[in-house]
Every structure is written in C-alpha cells, then in structure tokens.
C-alpha cells in the first residue's frame, strides 16, 4: 500500500463523519473530481484502509442500554487458550469489542445488553461455565460522555 496523501486523508476524514455521502457529494467536499474520488475510495477499500462501511445505531433509542466493561483473567495464558477465548467472544453478539491486554487482566471486553438480568445470564453463560477463567471484574457505565469511531489522520 502506498502512503496516504492529502486527498486520501480528506476522503477518509469525510467518510468517517458520514459514509452515506454519494460519490458526487464526497468529491465536492474534498475538492476532487467524482471519477478521481471514486478511484481513490476503491483503492482505499482494496488496500484494506477502509475496512467496511456501517450505520452506527444509538443504543439509547433501542433495547440495548447497559454497557459493561469487563476484565477477564485466564488461568492458563498459552496461545491456544487465548485464541480459544477470543473465538468464544467472537461468537457472542453482545460482546462488541474484545481486547487482549497487558499488563493486568488478559482481556477487556465491551458488552452491550438490555439490562442487568441480561448481563447476569450472559456472564453465567460465557464466564461461569468456562473452566479456564480465573477472574471476572465488571464495571457498568452510568453515563457515556464520549463515543467516537474516527481515527485521527495527521
């Protein structure tokens, strides 16, 4: 992949704010011709810089309103056990993010569920039944003051 130039960065910045822009709208905002803009977006997608385009939903307007930040420590931290845990988390739709971290716990999860009974059921299903989980520490969000998906492009 080539280094990002100024036009690529302008395109990416605009798409991070609103991926629903038409190619003509995007081209006008980044001061490029529509064919040039379309070629650049295709190349950025082919190169994997643009991973995917999605709609971000507001959990407060839907049923999912409880965010849990969960630290997980495994008994055995070998590569196979870590991958096994990551694969289990990948299958659970309530687990929005899973990070392998160091130092401290082995994993930090961001979980979104409807309420505390839903979290309790999920915790029992995902954590209490797993023999390799040593410790689970959960924190519950009482207010989200910032949420952003943009990556700063210098």
N, C-alpha and C. Protein backbone atom coordinates (compact mmCIF):
# COMPACT_ATOMS: atom_id res chain seq x y z
N UNK A 1 0.83 -1.18 0.00
CA UNK A 1 0.00 0.00 0.00
C UNK A 1 0.88 1.25 0.00
N UNK A 2 0.49 2.23 -0.79
CA UNK A 2 1.20 3.50 -0.84
C UNK A 2 0.85 4.33 0.39
N UNK A 3 1.71 5.29 0.69
CA UNK A 3 1.43 6.21 1.79
C UNK A 3 0.21 7.06 1.44
N UNK A 4 -0.54 7.43 2.45
CA UNK A 4 -1.73 8.26 2.23
C UNK A 4 -1.30 9.70 1.92
N UNK A 5 -1.87 10.26 0.86
CA UNK A 5 -1.61 11.66 0.57
C UNK A 5 -2.74 12.51 1.15
N UNK A 6 -2.64 13.81 0.92
CA UNK A 6 -3.61 14.73 1.50
C UNK A 6 -5.04 14.44 1.02
N UNK A 7 -5.22 14.11 -0.25
CA UNK A 7 -6.56 13.81 -0.77
C UNK A 7 -7.13 12.57 -0.11
N UNK A 8 -6.31 11.52 0.03
CA UNK A 8 -6.77 10.30 0.72
C UNK A 8 -7.24 10.64 2.13
N UNK A 9 -6.48 11.45 2.83
CA UNK A 9 -6.82 11.81 4.21
C UNK A 9 -8.11 12.62 4.27
N UNK A 10 -8.30 13.52 3.30
CA UNK A 10 -9.55 14.29 3.27
C UNK A 10 -10.74 13.37 3.00
N UNK A 11 -10.56 12.43 2.07
CA UNK A 11 -11.63 11.47 1.77
C UNK A 11 -11.96 10.65 3.01
N UNK A 12 -10.94 10.12 3.66
CA UNK A 12 -11.15 9.28 4.84
C UNK A 12 -11.80 10.07 5.97
N UNK A 13 -11.40 11.30 6.16
CA UNK A 13 -12.00 12.13 7.21
C UNK A 13 -13.48 12.34 6.95
N UNK A 14 -13.83 12.64 5.70
CA UNK A 14 -15.24 12.85 5.36
C UNK A 14 -16.04 11.56 5.54
N UNK A 15 -15.50 10.44 5.09
CA UNK A 15 -16.22 9.17 5.21
C UNK A 15 -16.39 8.75 6.66
N UNK A 16 -15.43 9.10 7.51
CA UNK A 16 -15.57 8.78 8.93
C UNK A 16 -16.69 9.59 9.57
N UNK A 17 -16.97 10.76 9.04
CA UNK A 17 -18.06 11.57 9.56
C UNK A 17 -19.40 11.15 9.00
N UNK A 18 -19.42 10.75 7.71
CA UNK A 18 -20.69 10.37 7.07
C UNK A 18 -20.40 9.48 5.86
N UNK A 19 -20.48 8.19 6.07
CA UNK A 19 -20.20 7.24 4.99
C UNK A 19 -21.36 7.12 4.01
N UNK A 20 -22.46 7.81 4.28
CA UNK A 20 -23.61 7.73 3.36
C UNK A 20 -23.54 8.76 2.23
N UNK A 21 -22.49 9.57 2.22
CA UNK A 21 -22.34 10.56 1.16
C UNK A 21 -22.28 9.88 -0.20
N UNK A 22 -22.93 10.49 -1.18
CA UNK A 22 -22.77 9.99 -2.55
C UNK A 22 -21.36 10.34 -3.01
N UNK A 23 -20.92 9.69 -4.07
CA UNK A 23 -19.60 10.00 -4.61
C UNK A 23 -19.50 11.46 -5.02
N UNK A 24 -20.56 12.01 -5.61
CA UNK A 24 -20.54 13.42 -6.02
C UNK A 24 -20.46 14.35 -4.81
N UNK A 25 -21.20 14.03 -3.75
CA UNK A 25 -21.13 14.86 -2.53
C UNK A 25 -19.74 14.79 -1.91
N UNK A 26 -19.19 13.58 -1.86
CA UNK A 26 -17.85 13.39 -1.30
C UNK A 26 -16.82 14.16 -2.13
N UNK A 27 -16.91 14.04 -3.43
CA UNK A 27 -15.96 14.73 -4.31
C UNK A 27 -16.01 16.24 -4.09
N UNK A 28 -17.21 16.78 -3.96
CA UNK A 28 -17.35 18.23 -3.74
C UNK A 28 -16.72 18.63 -2.40
N UNK A 29 -16.92 17.82 -1.38
CA UNK A 29 -16.38 18.16 -0.06
C UNK A 29 -14.86 18.09 0.01
N UNK A 30 -14.27 17.18 -0.78
CA UNK A 30 -12.81 17.03 -0.73
C UNK A 30 -12.11 17.77 -1.87
N UNK A 31 -12.90 18.47 -2.69
CA UNK A 31 -12.37 19.27 -3.79
C UNK A 31 -11.62 18.41 -4.80
N UNK A 32 -12.29 17.36 -5.26
CA UNK A 32 -11.73 16.47 -6.29
C UNK A 32 -12.83 16.17 -7.30
N UNK A 33 -12.45 15.66 -8.45
CA UNK A 33 -13.47 15.27 -9.43
C UNK A 33 -14.12 13.97 -8.98
N UNK A 34 -15.38 13.74 -9.35
CA UNK A 34 -16.03 12.48 -8.98
C UNK A 34 -15.28 11.23 -9.44
N UNK A 35 -14.75 11.17 -10.69
CA UNK A 35 -14.01 9.96 -11.08
C UNK A 35 -12.75 9.73 -10.22
N UNK A 36 -12.04 10.82 -9.91
CA UNK A 36 -10.85 10.69 -9.06
C UNK A 36 -11.24 10.20 -7.67
N UNK A 37 -12.29 10.76 -7.14
CA UNK A 37 -12.76 10.38 -5.81
C UNK A 37 -13.17 8.91 -5.78
N UNK A 38 -13.91 8.49 -6.78
CA UNK A 38 -14.35 7.09 -6.86
C UNK A 38 -13.16 6.14 -6.94
N UNK A 39 -12.16 6.48 -7.76
CA UNK A 39 -10.95 5.66 -7.87
C UNK A 39 -10.24 5.56 -6.53
N UNK A 40 -10.13 6.68 -5.84
CA UNK A 40 -9.43 6.70 -4.55
C UNK A 40 -10.16 5.86 -3.51
N UNK A 41 -11.47 5.98 -3.44
CA UNK A 41 -12.24 5.21 -2.47
C UNK A 41 -12.09 3.71 -2.77
N UNK A 42 -12.17 3.34 -4.03
CA UNK A 42 -11.99 1.92 -4.41
C UNK A 42 -10.62 1.42 -4.00
N UNK A 43 -9.57 2.23 -4.25
CA UNK A 43 -8.21 1.81 -3.89
C UNK A 43 -8.06 1.70 -2.38
N UNK A 44 -8.60 2.67 -1.64
CA UNK A 44 -8.52 2.60 -0.18
C UNK A 44 -9.24 1.36 0.35
N UNK A 45 -10.33 0.98 -0.30
CA UNK A 45 -11.06 -0.23 0.10
C UNK A 45 -10.26 -1.47 -0.25
N UNK A 46 -9.74 -1.53 -1.47
CA UNK A 46 -8.93 -2.69 -1.90
C UNK A 46 -7.70 -2.87 -1.03
N UNK A 47 -7.09 -1.74 -0.61
CA UNK A 47 -5.89 -1.79 0.23
C UNK A 47 -6.20 -2.13 1.69
N UNK A 48 -7.49 -2.17 2.04
CA UNK A 48 -7.87 -2.51 3.41
C UNK A 48 -7.85 -1.32 4.36
N UNK A 49 -7.60 -0.11 3.85
CA UNK A 49 -7.64 1.08 4.71
C UNK A 49 -9.08 1.31 5.15
N UNK A 50 -10.02 1.20 4.21
CA UNK A 50 -11.45 1.22 4.55
C UNK A 50 -11.85 -0.24 4.76
N UNK A 51 -12.08 -0.59 6.01
CA UNK A 51 -12.40 -1.99 6.34
C UNK A 51 -13.84 -2.33 5.96
N UNK A 52 -14.77 -1.41 6.27
CA UNK A 52 -16.18 -1.60 5.93
C UNK A 52 -16.93 -0.33 6.25
N UNK A 53 -18.13 -0.22 5.72
CA UNK A 53 -18.97 0.93 6.00
C UNK A 53 -20.22 0.42 6.69
N UNK A 54 -20.55 1.05 7.82
CA UNK A 54 -21.68 0.60 8.63
C UNK A 54 -22.50 1.80 9.10
N UNK A 55 -23.69 1.52 9.61
CA UNK A 55 -24.51 2.54 10.27
C UNK A 55 -24.31 2.38 11.77
N UNK A 56 -24.02 3.48 12.46
CA UNK A 56 -23.88 3.44 13.91
C UNK A 56 -25.24 3.74 14.53
N UNK A 57 -25.71 2.82 15.34
CA UNK A 57 -27.02 2.96 15.97
C UNK A 57 -26.89 3.54 17.37
N UNK A 58 -27.92 4.21 17.82
CA UNK A 58 -27.95 4.78 19.15
C UNK A 58 -28.57 3.77 20.10
N UNK A 59 -27.78 3.17 21.01
CA UNK A 59 -28.32 2.15 21.91
C UNK A 59 -29.43 2.67 22.82
N UNK A 60 -29.42 3.97 23.11
CA UNK A 60 -30.46 4.55 23.97
C UNK A 60 -31.82 4.57 23.28
N UNK A 61 -31.84 4.55 21.97
CA UNK A 61 -33.09 4.55 21.21
C UNK A 61 -33.57 3.13 20.92
N UNK A 62 -32.77 2.15 21.31
CA UNK A 62 -33.10 0.74 21.10
C UNK A 62 -33.16 0.04 22.45
N UNK A 63 -33.26 -1.27 22.43
CA UNK A 63 -33.40 -2.03 23.67
C UNK A 63 -32.09 -2.16 24.45
N UNK A 64 -30.95 -2.07 23.79
CA UNK A 64 -29.66 -2.28 24.46
C UNK A 64 -29.22 -1.01 25.16
N UNK A 65 -29.28 -1.03 26.49
CA UNK A 65 -28.97 0.19 27.23
C UNK A 65 -27.94 0.01 28.33
N UNK A 66 -27.47 -1.19 28.60
CA UNK A 66 -26.49 -1.40 29.66
C UNK A 66 -25.15 -1.77 29.02
N UNK A 67 -24.16 -0.91 29.27
CA UNK A 67 -22.81 -1.18 28.78
C UNK A 67 -21.97 -1.67 29.94
N UNK A 68 -21.34 -2.81 29.74
CA UNK A 68 -20.44 -3.37 30.74
C UNK A 68 -19.02 -3.40 30.17
N UNK A 69 -18.07 -2.96 30.98
CA UNK A 69 -16.66 -3.08 30.65
C UNK A 69 -16.14 -4.19 31.56
N UNK A 70 -15.66 -5.26 30.97
CA UNK A 70 -15.36 -6.46 31.74
C UNK A 70 -13.90 -6.85 31.56
N UNK A 71 -13.22 -7.07 32.68
CA UNK A 71 -11.85 -7.57 32.67
C UNK A 71 -11.88 -9.07 32.93
N UNK A 72 -11.16 -9.81 32.11
CA UNK A 72 -11.11 -11.27 32.25
C UNK A 72 -9.66 -11.69 32.43
N UNK A 73 -9.43 -12.53 33.43
CA UNK A 73 -8.12 -13.14 33.64
C UNK A 73 -8.27 -14.65 33.50
N UNK A 74 -7.45 -15.24 32.66
CA UNK A 74 -7.50 -16.69 32.45
C UNK A 74 -6.54 -17.40 33.41
N UNK A 75 -6.82 -18.67 33.68
CA UNK A 75 -5.90 -19.49 34.47
C UNK A 75 -4.65 -19.81 33.67
N UNK A 76 -4.88 -20.27 32.43
CA UNK A 76 -3.78 -20.64 31.54
C UNK A 76 -3.75 -19.66 30.38
N UNK A 77 -2.59 -18.99 30.19
CA UNK A 77 -2.49 -17.94 29.18
C UNK A 77 -1.68 -18.35 27.96
N UNK A 78 -1.64 -19.63 27.66
CA UNK A 78 -0.89 -20.02 26.47
C UNK A 78 -1.67 -19.60 25.21
N UNK A 79 -1.00 -19.61 24.10
CA UNK A 79 -1.57 -19.10 22.84
C UNK A 79 -2.87 -19.80 22.48
N UNK A 80 -2.91 -21.10 22.67
CA UNK A 80 -4.11 -21.88 22.32
C UNK A 80 -5.31 -21.46 23.18
N UNK A 81 -5.09 -21.27 24.47
CA UNK A 81 -6.17 -20.87 25.38
C UNK A 81 -6.65 -19.44 25.09
N UNK A 82 -5.70 -18.56 24.75
CA UNK A 82 -6.08 -17.19 24.41
C UNK A 82 -6.94 -17.17 23.15
N UNK A 83 -6.53 -17.92 22.14
CA UNK A 83 -7.30 -17.98 20.89
C UNK A 83 -8.66 -18.62 21.11
N UNK A 84 -8.72 -19.62 21.95
CA UNK A 84 -10.00 -20.27 22.26
C UNK A 84 -10.97 -19.27 22.89
N UNK A 85 -10.46 -18.46 23.82
CA UNK A 85 -11.30 -17.46 24.46
C UNK A 85 -11.75 -16.42 23.43
N UNK A 86 -10.85 -15.95 22.59
CA UNK A 86 -11.19 -14.95 21.57
C UNK A 86 -12.24 -15.50 20.60
N UNK A 87 -12.13 -16.75 20.24
CA UNK A 87 -13.12 -17.36 19.34
C UNK A 87 -14.49 -17.43 20.01
N UNK A 88 -14.53 -17.74 21.31
CA UNK A 88 -15.79 -17.76 22.04
C UNK A 88 -16.41 -16.37 22.07
N UNK A 89 -15.61 -15.35 22.31
CA UNK A 89 -16.14 -13.98 22.36
C UNK A 89 -16.63 -13.53 20.99
N UNK A 90 -15.97 -13.98 19.93
CA UNK A 90 -16.36 -13.60 18.57
C UNK A 90 -17.74 -14.12 18.21
N UNK A 91 -18.18 -15.18 18.85
CA UNK A 91 -19.49 -15.76 18.53
C UNK A 91 -20.63 -15.09 19.29
N UNK A 92 -20.30 -14.29 20.29
CA UNK A 92 -21.33 -13.67 21.14
C UNK A 92 -21.63 -12.26 20.64
N UNK A 93 -22.85 -12.03 20.18
CA UNK A 93 -23.21 -10.73 19.61
C UNK A 93 -23.22 -9.60 20.64
N UNK A 94 -23.46 -9.89 21.89
CA UNK A 94 -23.47 -8.84 22.91
C UNK A 94 -22.07 -8.32 23.21
N UNK A 95 -21.05 -9.10 22.88
CA UNK A 95 -19.67 -8.66 23.05
C UNK A 95 -19.32 -7.82 21.84
N UNK A 96 -19.26 -6.51 22.04
CA UNK A 96 -19.00 -5.60 20.92
C UNK A 96 -17.52 -5.46 20.62
N UNK A 97 -16.70 -5.54 21.65
CA UNK A 97 -15.25 -5.41 21.47
C UNK A 97 -14.55 -6.36 22.43
N UNK A 98 -13.44 -6.91 21.96
CA UNK A 98 -12.63 -7.81 22.77
C UNK A 98 -11.17 -7.45 22.53
N UNK A 99 -10.48 -7.07 23.61
CA UNK A 99 -9.08 -6.67 23.51
C UNK A 99 -8.22 -7.59 24.36
N UNK A 100 -7.13 -8.10 23.81
CA UNK A 100 -6.12 -8.79 24.59
C UNK A 100 -5.19 -7.69 25.10
N UNK A 101 -5.00 -7.61 26.42
CA UNK A 101 -4.26 -6.50 27.01
C UNK A 101 -3.11 -6.98 27.89
N UNK A 102 -2.23 -6.04 28.17
CA UNK A 102 -1.11 -6.32 29.06
C UNK A 102 -0.59 -4.99 29.59
N UNK A 103 -0.21 -4.85 30.82
CA UNK A 103 -0.33 -5.83 31.90
C UNK A 103 -1.72 -5.81 32.50
N UNK A 104 -1.92 -6.58 33.55
CA UNK A 104 -3.21 -6.64 34.22
C UNK A 104 -3.99 -7.85 33.77
N UNK A 105 -5.27 -7.65 33.49
CA UNK A 105 -6.07 -8.80 33.05
C UNK A 105 -5.61 -9.26 31.67
N UNK A 106 -6.08 -10.40 31.25
CA UNK A 106 -5.73 -10.90 29.91
C UNK A 106 -6.57 -10.25 28.82
N UNK A 107 -7.85 -9.97 29.14
CA UNK A 107 -8.77 -9.40 28.16
C UNK A 107 -9.61 -8.31 28.79
N UNK A 108 -10.00 -7.34 27.97
CA UNK A 108 -11.01 -6.35 28.33
C UNK A 108 -12.09 -6.44 27.26
N UNK A 109 -13.33 -6.55 27.72
CA UNK A 109 -14.48 -6.67 26.82
C UNK A 109 -15.39 -5.47 26.98
N UNK A 110 -16.02 -5.08 25.90
CA UNK A 110 -17.10 -4.09 25.94
C UNK A 110 -18.36 -4.86 25.55
N UNK A 111 -19.32 -4.89 26.46
CA UNK A 111 -20.53 -5.69 26.28
C UNK A 111 -21.74 -4.76 26.33
N UNK A 112 -22.69 -4.97 25.43
CA UNK A 112 -23.91 -4.18 25.40
C UNK A 112 -25.11 -5.12 25.48
N UNK A 113 -25.91 -4.95 26.55
CA UNK A 113 -27.10 -5.78 26.79
C UNK A 113 -28.26 -4.89 27.18
N UNK A 114 -29.44 -5.46 27.29
CA UNK A 114 -30.63 -4.67 27.60
C UNK A 114 -30.69 -4.21 29.04
N UNK A 115 -30.28 -5.09 29.98
CA UNK A 115 -30.42 -4.75 31.40
C UNK A 115 -29.57 -5.69 32.24
N UNK A 116 -29.62 -5.53 33.55
CA UNK A 116 -28.81 -6.34 34.45
C UNK A 116 -29.16 -7.83 34.41
N UNK A 117 -30.44 -8.22 34.35
CA UNK A 117 -30.72 -9.65 34.21
C UNK A 117 -30.12 -10.25 32.93
N UNK A 118 -30.11 -9.48 31.85
CA UNK A 118 -29.50 -9.96 30.61
C UNK A 118 -27.99 -10.11 30.78
N UNK A 119 -27.37 -9.17 31.49
CA UNK A 119 -25.94 -9.29 31.75
C UNK A 119 -25.65 -10.50 32.63
N UNK A 120 -26.45 -10.70 33.65
CA UNK A 120 -26.25 -11.85 34.54
C UNK A 120 -26.32 -13.16 33.75
N UNK A 121 -27.31 -13.29 32.88
CA UNK A 121 -27.44 -14.50 32.06
C UNK A 121 -26.24 -14.68 31.15
N UNK A 122 -25.80 -13.60 30.53
CA UNK A 122 -24.64 -13.66 29.65
C UNK A 122 -23.38 -14.03 30.43
N UNK A 123 -23.18 -13.41 31.60
CA UNK A 123 -22.00 -13.70 32.41
C UNK A 123 -21.98 -15.15 32.85
N UNK A 124 -23.13 -15.68 33.20
CA UNK A 124 -23.19 -17.09 33.58
C UNK A 124 -22.84 -17.98 32.38
N UNK A 125 -23.43 -17.68 31.24
CA UNK A 125 -23.21 -18.49 30.04
C UNK A 125 -21.77 -18.40 29.54
N UNK A 126 -21.20 -17.19 29.54
CA UNK A 126 -19.87 -17.01 28.96
C UNK A 126 -18.72 -17.20 29.93
N UNK A 127 -18.92 -16.85 31.19
CA UNK A 127 -17.81 -16.84 32.12
C UNK A 127 -17.87 -17.93 33.17
N UNK A 128 -19.01 -18.11 33.82
CA UNK A 128 -19.11 -19.08 34.92
C UNK A 128 -18.96 -20.51 34.43
N UNK A 129 -19.31 -20.78 33.19
CA UNK A 129 -19.25 -22.15 32.68
C UNK A 129 -17.90 -22.49 32.05
N UNK A 130 -16.99 -21.52 31.97
CA UNK A 130 -15.68 -21.75 31.36
C UNK A 130 -14.65 -22.11 32.44
N UNK A 131 -14.02 -23.26 32.28
CA UNK A 131 -13.10 -23.74 33.31
C UNK A 131 -11.78 -22.96 33.35
N UNK A 132 -11.44 -22.24 32.30
CA UNK A 132 -10.15 -21.54 32.26
C UNK A 132 -10.23 -20.09 32.71
N UNK A 133 -11.37 -19.63 33.16
CA UNK A 133 -11.49 -18.24 33.61
C UNK A 133 -11.24 -18.17 35.11
N UNK A 134 -10.20 -17.42 35.48
CA UNK A 134 -9.83 -17.28 36.89
C UNK A 134 -10.59 -16.14 37.55
N UNK A 135 -10.70 -14.99 36.84
CA UNK A 135 -11.29 -13.83 37.47
C UNK A 135 -12.08 -13.01 36.44
N UNK A 136 -13.23 -12.50 36.89
CA UNK A 136 -14.07 -11.60 36.09
C UNK A 136 -14.32 -10.36 36.93
N UNK A 137 -14.03 -9.21 36.36
CA UNK A 137 -14.27 -7.94 37.06
C UNK A 137 -15.08 -7.06 36.11
N UNK A 138 -16.28 -6.69 36.53
CA UNK A 138 -17.20 -5.94 35.67
C UNK A 138 -17.42 -4.53 36.18
N UNK A 139 -17.49 -3.60 35.23
CA UNK A 139 -17.80 -2.20 35.51
C UNK A 139 -18.99 -1.84 34.62
N UNK A 140 -19.91 -1.06 35.15
CA UNK A 140 -21.12 -0.71 34.40
C UNK A 140 -21.17 0.79 34.15
N UNK A 141 -21.37 1.15 32.92
CA UNK A 141 -21.42 2.57 32.54
C UNK A 141 -22.70 3.20 33.06
N UNK A 142 -22.53 4.33 33.74
CA UNK A 142 -23.71 5.08 34.20
C UNK A 142 -23.96 6.29 33.30
N UNK A 143 -22.94 6.65 32.51
CA UNK A 143 -23.08 7.77 31.58
C UNK A 143 -21.96 7.69 30.54
N UNK A 144 -22.31 7.79 29.28
CA UNK A 144 -21.31 7.81 28.22
C UNK A 144 -21.13 9.25 27.78
N UNK A 145 -20.00 9.84 28.13
CA UNK A 145 -19.75 11.24 27.79
C UNK A 145 -19.08 11.41 26.44
N UNK A 146 -18.50 10.33 25.92
CA UNK A 146 -17.88 10.40 24.60
C UNK A 146 -17.89 9.02 23.97
N UNK A 147 -18.20 9.00 22.69
CA UNK A 147 -18.10 7.79 21.88
C UNK A 147 -17.76 8.25 20.47
N UNK A 148 -16.67 7.77 19.95
CA UNK A 148 -16.25 8.18 18.62
C UNK A 148 -15.58 7.00 17.94
N UNK A 149 -15.76 6.88 16.66
CA UNK A 149 -15.13 5.81 15.90
C UNK A 149 -14.06 6.34 14.96
N UNK A 150 -13.90 7.66 14.91
CA UNK A 150 -12.95 8.25 13.98
C UNK A 150 -11.51 8.02 14.40
N UNK A 151 -10.64 7.86 13.41
CA UNK A 151 -9.21 7.77 13.62
C UNK A 151 -8.62 9.08 13.12
N UNK A 152 -7.81 9.73 13.94
CA UNK A 152 -7.20 10.99 13.57
C UNK A 152 -6.15 10.73 12.49
N UNK A 153 -6.23 11.49 11.42
CA UNK A 153 -5.30 11.35 10.30
C UNK A 153 -4.42 12.59 10.23
N UNK A 154 -3.18 12.46 10.65
CA UNK A 154 -2.26 13.62 10.62
C UNK A 154 -1.56 13.71 9.28
